[in-house]
Protein backbone atom coordinates (compact mmCIF):
# COMPACT_ATOMS: atom_id res chain seq x y z
CA UNK A 1 0.21 -0.27 -0.35
CA UNK A 2 1.66 3.55 -1.41
CA UNK A 3 0.82 5.81 1.07
CA UNK A 4 1.40 10.26 0.67
CA UNK A 5 0.28 13.31 1.94
CA UNK A 6 1.57 16.29 3.71
CA UNK A 7 2.03 16.59 7.76
CA UNK A 8 -0.64 19.00 7.81
CA UNK A 9 -3.30 16.41 7.28
CA UNK A 10 -1.92 13.43 8.90
CA UNK A 11 0.68 14.12 11.76
CA UNK A 12 3.79 11.92 12.29
CA UNK A 13 1.91 10.03 15.46
CA UNK A 14 -1.01 9.40 13.57
CA UNK A 15 0.36 7.56 10.79
CA UNK A 16 3.11 5.67 12.44
CA UNK A 17 -0.35 4.25 14.14
CA UNK A 18 -2.02 3.67 10.33
CA UNK A 19 1.51 2.25 9.29
CA UNK A 20 2.21 -0.03 12.82
CA UNK A 21 1.62 -3.60 10.96
CA UNK A 22 2.80 -2.43 7.77
CA UNK A 23 6.79 -3.13 5.99
CA UNK A 24 8.80 0.11 4.38
CA UNK A 25 10.14 3.21 3.73
CA UNK A 26 8.70 6.41 5.68
CA UNK A 27 10.23 9.31 3.59
CA UNK A 28 9.36 12.88 4.83
CA UNK A 29 10.98 15.88 3.80
CA UNK A 30 10.17 19.79 3.52
CA UNK A 31 10.30 20.23 7.54
CA UNK A 32 11.66 23.22 8.78
CA UNK A 33 15.61 22.66 10.13
CA UNK A 34 16.10 18.70 9.14
CA UNK A 35 16.97 17.25 6.24
CA UNK A 36 14.83 14.20 4.60
CA UNK A 37 14.48 11.60 7.08
CA UNK A 38 13.43 8.29 6.29
CA UNK A 39 11.98 5.61 9.02
CA UNK A 40 12.35 2.47 7.64
CA UNK A 41 9.72 0.22 9.72
CA UNK A 42 8.56 -3.11 10.17
CA UNK A 43 5.36 -4.37 11.99
CA UNK A 44 4.94 -2.65 15.09
CA UNK A 45 8.61 -1.37 15.39
CA UNK A 46 10.31 1.55 14.12
CA UNK A 47 14.05 -0.78 12.95
CA UNK A 48 16.24 2.38 11.95
CA UNK A 49 15.90 6.26 10.92
CA UNK A 50 18.53 7.87 8.08
CA UNK A 51 19.29 11.31 6.99
CA UNK A 52 21.85 11.34 3.78
CA UNK A 53 21.82 7.24 3.36
CA UNK A 54 23.10 6.96 7.04
CA UNK A 55 21.62 5.21 10.05
CA UNK A 56 21.22 8.03 12.95
CA UNK A 57 22.74 6.59 16.42
CA UNK A 58 19.66 6.30 19.27
CA UNK A 59 19.87 10.18 20.42
CA UNK A 60 19.41 11.47 17.22
CA UNK A 61 17.16 9.27 15.82
CA UNK A 62 14.94 10.18 19.28
CA UNK A 63 15.85 13.65 18.79
CA UNK A 64 14.40 13.39 14.83
CA UNK A 65 11.69 11.96 16.26
CA UNK A 66 10.76 14.69 18.30
CA UNK A 67 11.38 17.30 16.14
CA UNK A 68 9.04 15.06 13.42
CA UNK A 69 6.57 15.05 15.76
CA UNK A 70 5.77 18.39 16.74
CA UNK A 71 6.17 18.78 12.85
CA UNK A 72 2.86 20.75 11.38
CA UNK A 73 4.89 20.66 8.06
CA UNK A 74 6.41 18.59 5.55
CA UNK A 75 5.06 16.07 2.75
CA UNK A 76 5.63 11.89 3.50
CA UNK A 77 5.38 8.72 0.94
CA UNK A 78 5.49 5.41 2.50
CA UNK A 79 7.24 2.85 0.15
CA UNK A 80 5.44 -0.61 0.97
CA UNK A 81 8.68 -3.55 1.76
CA UNK A 82 11.33 -1.48 1.59
CA UNK A 83 14.09 -2.44 3.67
CA UNK A 84 17.53 -0.26 5.07
CA UNK A 85 21.05 -1.36 3.58
CA UNK A 86 23.03 -1.07 6.49
CA UNK A 87 23.33 -3.36 9.41
CA UNK A 88 22.15 -0.90 11.75
CA UNK A 89 18.80 -1.47 13.99
CA UNK A 90 17.22 0.79 16.21
CA UNK A 91 14.43 -2.15 16.40
CA UNK A 92 11.71 0.81 18.71
CA UNK A 93 8.21 -0.83 19.32
CA UNK A 94 6.75 1.22 17.96
CA UNK A 95 3.86 2.11 20.42
CA UNK A 96 6.20 2.66 23.47
CA UNK A 97 8.85 5.07 21.17
CA UNK A 98 6.08 7.57 20.32
CA UNK A 99 4.56 6.91 23.94
CA UNK A 100 7.79 8.23 25.04
CA UNK A 101 8.18 10.58 22.85
CA UNK A 102 5.24 12.31 23.70
CA UNK A 103 5.79 12.44 27.52
CA UNK A 104 9.21 13.57 26.27
CA UNK A 105 7.47 16.41 24.42
CA UNK A 106 4.84 17.64 27.60
CA UNK A 107 8.10 17.50 29.95
CA UNK A 108 10.17 19.57 27.55
CA UNK A 109 7.05 22.18 28.18
CA UNK A 110 6.18 22.08 31.52
CA UNK A 111 10.09 22.81 32.17
CA UNK A 112 10.40 25.57 29.76
CA UNK A 113 10.57 27.59 32.01
CA UNK A 114 13.13 26.15 34.36
CA UNK A 115 15.26 25.34 31.29
CA UNK A 116 18.75 27.05 31.87
CA UNK A 117 20.29 29.64 29.75
CA UNK A 118 21.80 28.17 26.26
CA UNK A 119 25.59 29.79 27.98
CA UNK A 120 25.08 28.42 31.10
CA UNK A 121 28.35 26.53 31.86
CA UNK A 122 27.96 22.66 32.85
CA UNK A 123 30.51 20.32 35.23
CA UNK A 124 30.48 16.59 35.40
CA UNK A 125 30.07 15.41 39.52
CA UNK A 126 29.04 12.72 41.72
CA UNK A 127 28.13 9.59 39.90
CA UNK A 128 26.05 9.11 36.44
CA UNK A 129 22.23 8.62 37.86
CA UNK A 130 20.53 5.38 37.48
CA UNK A 131 18.05 6.87 35.21
CA UNK A 132 18.36 4.68 32.46
CA UNK A 133 17.05 8.25 30.12
CA UNK A 134 19.65 10.61 30.69
CA UNK A 135 22.56 7.20 30.14
CA UNK A 136 23.08 8.03 26.51
CA UNK A 137 23.00 11.47 26.57
CA UNK A 138 25.28 11.40 29.40
CA UNK A 139 27.81 9.14 28.10
CA UNK A 140 27.71 11.16 24.55
CA UNK A 141 28.05 14.36 26.80
CA UNK A 142 30.92 13.13 29.27
CA UNK A 143 33.85 14.16 27.00
CA UNK A 144 32.47 17.78 26.76
CA UNK A 145 31.20 17.87 30.45
CA UNK A 146 34.67 16.87 32.02
CA UNK A 147 36.05 20.39 31.04
CA UNK A 148 32.55 21.75 31.18
CA UNK A 149 30.46 22.65 27.74
CA UNK A 150 27.48 25.02 27.60
CA UNK A 151 23.92 23.65 25.86
CA UNK A 152 25.21 25.51 22.70
CA UNK A 153 27.76 23.91 22.52
CA UNK A 154 26.80 19.80 23.60
CA UNK A 155 24.19 20.78 20.79
CA UNK A 156 25.92 21.63 18.27
CA UNK A 157 28.43 18.99 19.16
CA UNK A 158 26.28 16.06 19.44
CA UNK A 159 23.43 17.48 16.62
CA UNK A 160 20.77 17.65 18.83
CA UNK A 161 18.26 20.13 19.34
CA UNK A 162 18.99 23.01 22.11
CA UNK A 163 16.22 22.50 23.73
CA UNK A 164 16.59 18.46 24.64
CA UNK A 165 19.77 18.91 25.63
CA UNK A 166 18.99 21.96 28.11
CA UNK A 167 15.88 19.58 29.38
CA UNK A 168 18.95 17.20 30.03
CA UNK A 169 21.12 19.12 31.85
CA UNK A 170 18.79 20.31 33.66
CA UNK A 171 17.53 16.50 34.58
CA UNK A 172 20.92 15.53 35.21
CA UNK A 173 21.34 18.96 37.77
CA UNK A 174 18.25 17.38 39.87
CA UNK A 175 20.21 13.91 39.71
CA UNK A 176 23.42 15.56 41.40
CA UNK A 177 25.08 14.16 38.50
CA UNK A 178 26.23 18.13 36.49
CA UNK A 179 26.96 21.18 38.65
CA UNK A 180 26.48 24.76 37.13
CA UNK A 181 30.06 26.59 37.24
CA UNK A 182 30.43 30.35 37.86
CA UNK A 183 30.18 32.58 34.99
CA UNK A 184 33.87 33.83 33.92
CA UNK A 185 34.28 37.99 35.48
CA UNK A 186 31.01 37.33 37.57
CA UNK A 187 31.97 38.59 41.19
CA UNK A 188 30.20 37.08 44.59
CA UNK A 189 27.13 39.18 45.50
CA UNK A 190 27.99 40.15 48.68
CA UNK A 191 25.69 42.84 50.26
CA UNK A 192 23.02 42.31 47.86
CA UNK A 193 21.43 44.66 45.08
CA UNK A 194 21.69 47.67 47.48
CA UNK A 195 25.50 47.90 47.59
CA UNK A 196 28.05 48.31 50.80
CA UNK A 197 25.82 49.04 54.39
């Protein structure tokens, strides 16, 4: 069954539910800020997510899906029975992936006012958290966070959306795995806003 259309008439979450028992390639293009993306599906699973002919690692794939989930502009076409030419597999259960992404989207919205400034520098401290949701990000970001890094720097280095990185940094700070560094040149406030007594 070939299927094509636009994300404004059929958003990604609906599209994936319609295709959950199908095998093939869901090609999506004309999404602002994303190159053309191909989701390889098999019944009940997202097999792989590719951009520019290459498979994305799990954290980048999650970020792309999150962006596609929010997108209401863009075009798609489903090509049945196509499989990726590489052996890299995510093999994510479709419904579980959708649920976790909707949860992450809601979490981003609820913490938006608390997200750290993109230029705030964070450094590793303590031991890695037990929470598996942040382990993959922390493993990839650890090299940068050992010497201190901002959300902006991490987003560029890891090719992840800035707000997602800011959320991860906030959560990891709350879990005690990161600490904020004082801004360079900022003197400690000794007397409050009114100056010396």
